[in-house]
Amino acid sequence: MPERRVVVGSTVGLHARPPALFVKAAAAQPVPVSIGKDGADPVDARSILSVLGLGARGGDEVVLSADGPQAEQALDELAAIVAANHDG
């Protein structure tokens, strides 16, 4: 299963606006996607409550994984959202 390790770019982490953007993009993907942090079980990337529950802060590394024929494309798109600074 393809994976991407991504450092959260927003100083606020995956809280407020950044997770809403991420979850919306994850829900639009043609393949299932999960997100997790080391030491914790991965969660469904389409669930805002699950993503918020990760407690990912700015500078934390998260692991995105997807399965299916378009997994690489989905991971590229979602990794860019996580890595971007949405603070401004």
C-alpha atoms as a PDB file:
ATOM      1  CA  MET A   1       0.000   0.000   0.000  1.00  0.00           C
ATOM      2  CA  PRO A   2       1.564   3.329  -1.023  1.00  0.00           C
ATOM      3  CA  GLU A   3       2.393   5.810   1.748  1.00  0.00           C
ATOM      4  CA  ARG A   4       3.671   9.375   2.111  1.00  0.00           C
ATOM      5  CA  ARG A   5       5.321  10.861   5.201  1.00  0.00           C
ATOM      6  CA  VAL A   6       4.464  14.542   5.384  1.00  0.00           C
ATOM      7  CA  VAL A   7       5.314  17.288   7.874  1.00  0.00           C
ATOM      8  CA  VAL A   8       2.308  19.428   8.798  1.00  0.00           C
ATOM      9  CA  GLY A   9       2.987  22.885   7.354  1.00  0.00           C
ATOM     10  CA  SER A  10       0.484  25.035   9.255  1.00  0.00           C
ATOM     11  CA  THR A  11       1.622  26.239  12.663  1.00  0.00           C
ATOM     12  CA  VAL A  12      -1.887  25.594  13.980  1.00  0.00           C
ATOM     13  CA  GLY A  13      -1.526  21.988  12.859  1.00  0.00           C
ATOM     14  CA  LEU A  14      -4.514  20.020  11.654  1.00  0.00           C
ATOM     15  CA  HIS A  15      -6.985  22.210  13.533  1.00  0.00           C
ATOM     16  CA  ALA A  16      -9.628  24.668  12.303  1.00  0.00           C
ATOM     17  CA  ARG A  17      -9.389  25.378   8.560  1.00  0.00           C
ATOM     18  CA  PRO A  18      -6.560  23.006   7.464  1.00  0.00           C
ATOM     19  CA  PRO A  19      -8.362  19.780   8.432  1.00  0.00           C
ATOM     20  CA  ALA A  20     -11.568  20.899   6.724  1.00  0.00           C
ATOM     21  CA  LEU A  21      -9.637  21.422   3.476  1.00  0.00           C
ATOM     22  CA  PHE A  22      -7.874  18.084   3.889  1.00  0.00           C
ATOM     23  CA  VAL A  23     -11.026  16.087   4.688  1.00  0.00           C
ATOM     24  CA  LYS A  24     -12.920  17.627   1.761  1.00  0.00           C
ATOM     25  CA  ALA A  25     -10.078  16.692  -0.601  1.00  0.00           C
ATOM     26  CA  ALA A  26      -9.824  13.179   0.895  1.00  0.00           C
ATOM     27  CA  ALA A  27     -13.551  12.630   0.425  1.00  0.00           C
ATOM     28  CA  ALA A  28     -13.206  13.592  -3.249  1.00  0.00           C
ATOM     29  CA  GLN A  29     -10.559  10.918  -3.910  1.00  0.00           C
ATOM     30  CA  PRO A  30     -11.534   7.787  -5.862  1.00  0.00           C
ATOM     31  CA  VAL A  31      -9.640   5.578  -3.360  1.00  0.00           C
ATOM     32  CA  PRO A  32      -9.818   5.152   0.431  1.00  0.00           C
ATOM     33  CA  VAL A  33      -7.193   7.181   2.297  1.00  0.00           C
ATOM     34  CA  SER A  34      -6.030   7.007   5.898  1.00  0.00           C
ATOM     35  CA  ILE A  35      -3.893   9.327   7.997  1.00  0.00           C
ATOM     36  CA  GLY A  36      -1.955   8.563  11.142  1.00  0.00           C
ATOM     37  CA  LYS A  37       0.902   9.511  13.400  1.00  0.00           C
ATOM     38  CA  ASP A  38       3.667   7.214  14.624  1.00  0.00           C
ATOM     39  CA  GLY A  39       2.492   5.283  17.646  1.00  0.00           C
ATOM     40  CA  ALA A  40      -1.205   5.653  16.822  1.00  0.00           C
ATOM     41  CA  ASP A  41      -3.612   3.722  14.636  1.00  0.00           C
ATOM     42  CA  PRO A  42      -4.383   5.355  11.278  1.00  0.00           C
ATOM     43  CA  VAL A  43      -7.840   6.892  10.860  1.00  0.00           C
ATOM     44  CA  ASP A  44     -10.175   7.501   7.939  1.00  0.00           C
ATOM     45  CA  ALA A  45      -9.014  10.692   6.219  1.00  0.00           C
ATOM     46  CA  ARG A  46     -12.638  11.483   5.260  1.00  0.00           C
ATOM     47  CA  SER A  47     -13.694  11.913   8.909  1.00  0.00           C
ATOM     48  CA  ILE A  48     -13.202  15.405  10.330  1.00  0.00           C
ATOM     49  CA  LEU A  49     -13.552  14.158  13.908  1.00  0.00           C
ATOM     50  CA  SER A  50     -10.981  11.423  13.366  1.00  0.00           C
ATOM     51  CA  VAL A  51      -8.514  13.833  11.753  1.00  0.00           C
ATOM     52  CA  LEU A  52      -8.970  16.357  14.568  1.00  0.00           C
ATOM     53  CA  GLY A  53      -8.537  13.530  17.083  1.00  0.00           C
ATOM     54  CA  LEU A  54      -5.025  12.875  15.808  1.00  0.00           C
ATOM     55  CA  GLY A  55      -3.871  16.068  17.476  1.00  0.00           C
ATOM     56  CA  ALA A  56      -1.354  16.743  14.702  1.00  0.00           C
ATOM     57  CA  ARG A  57       0.445  20.025  15.303  1.00  0.00           C
ATOM     58  CA  GLY A  58       2.628  22.145  13.064  1.00  0.00           C
ATOM     59  CA  GLY A  59       5.915  20.353  12.447  1.00  0.00           C
ATOM     60  CA  ASP A  60       4.502  16.900  13.301  1.00  0.00           C
ATOM     61  CA  GLU A  61       4.973  14.130  10.764  1.00  0.00           C
ATOM     62  CA  VAL A  62       1.892  12.255   9.601  1.00  0.00           C
ATOM     63  CA  VAL A  63       1.629   9.177   7.421  1.00  0.00           C
ATOM     64  CA  LEU A  64      -0.874   9.112   4.568  1.00  0.00           C
ATOM     65  CA  SER A  65      -1.766   5.804   2.958  1.00  0.00           C
ATOM     66  CA  ALA A  66      -4.129   4.854   0.161  1.00  0.00           C
ATOM     67  CA  ASP A  67      -5.049   1.720  -1.689  1.00  0.00           C
ATOM     68  CA  GLY A  68      -6.208   1.389  -5.254  1.00  0.00           C
ATOM     69  CA  PRO A  69      -5.256   2.196  -8.823  1.00  0.00           C
ATOM     70  CA  GLN A  70      -5.142   5.977  -8.249  1.00  0.00           C
ATOM     71  CA  ALA A  71      -3.490   5.847  -4.826  1.00  0.00           C
ATOM     72  CA  GLU A  72      -0.266   7.602  -5.854  1.00  0.00           C
ATOM     73  CA  GLN A  73      -2.142  10.549  -7.360  1.00  0.00           C
ATOM     74  CA  ALA A  74      -4.397  10.832  -4.303  1.00  0.00           C
ATOM     75  CA  LEU A  75      -1.405  10.794  -1.955  1.00  0.00           C
ATOM     76  CA  ASP A  76       0.405  13.461  -3.964  1.00  0.00           C
ATOM     77  CA  GLU A  77      -2.612  15.777  -3.794  1.00  0.00           C
ATOM     78  CA  LEU A  78      -3.297  15.215  -0.106  1.00  0.00           C
ATOM     79  CA  ALA A  79       0.373  15.469   0.883  1.00  0.00           C
ATOM     80  CA  ALA A  80       0.522  18.903  -0.755  1.00  0.00           C
ATOM     81  CA  ILE A  81      -2.469  20.044   1.321  1.00  0.00           C
ATOM     82  CA  VAL A  82      -0.930  18.802   4.580  1.00  0.00           C
ATOM     83  CA  ALA A  83       2.476  20.329   3.820  1.00  0.00           C
ATOM     84  CA  ALA A  84       1.090  23.756   2.849  1.00  0.00           C
ATOM     85  CA  ASN A  85       0.942  26.612   5.337  1.00  0.00           C
ATOM     86  CA  HIS A  86      -2.735  27.542   5.608  1.00  0.00           C
ATOM     87  CA  ASP A  87      -2.159  30.071   8.398  1.00  0.00           C
ATOM     88  CA  GLY A  88      -2.401  33.166   6.269  1.00  0.00           C
END
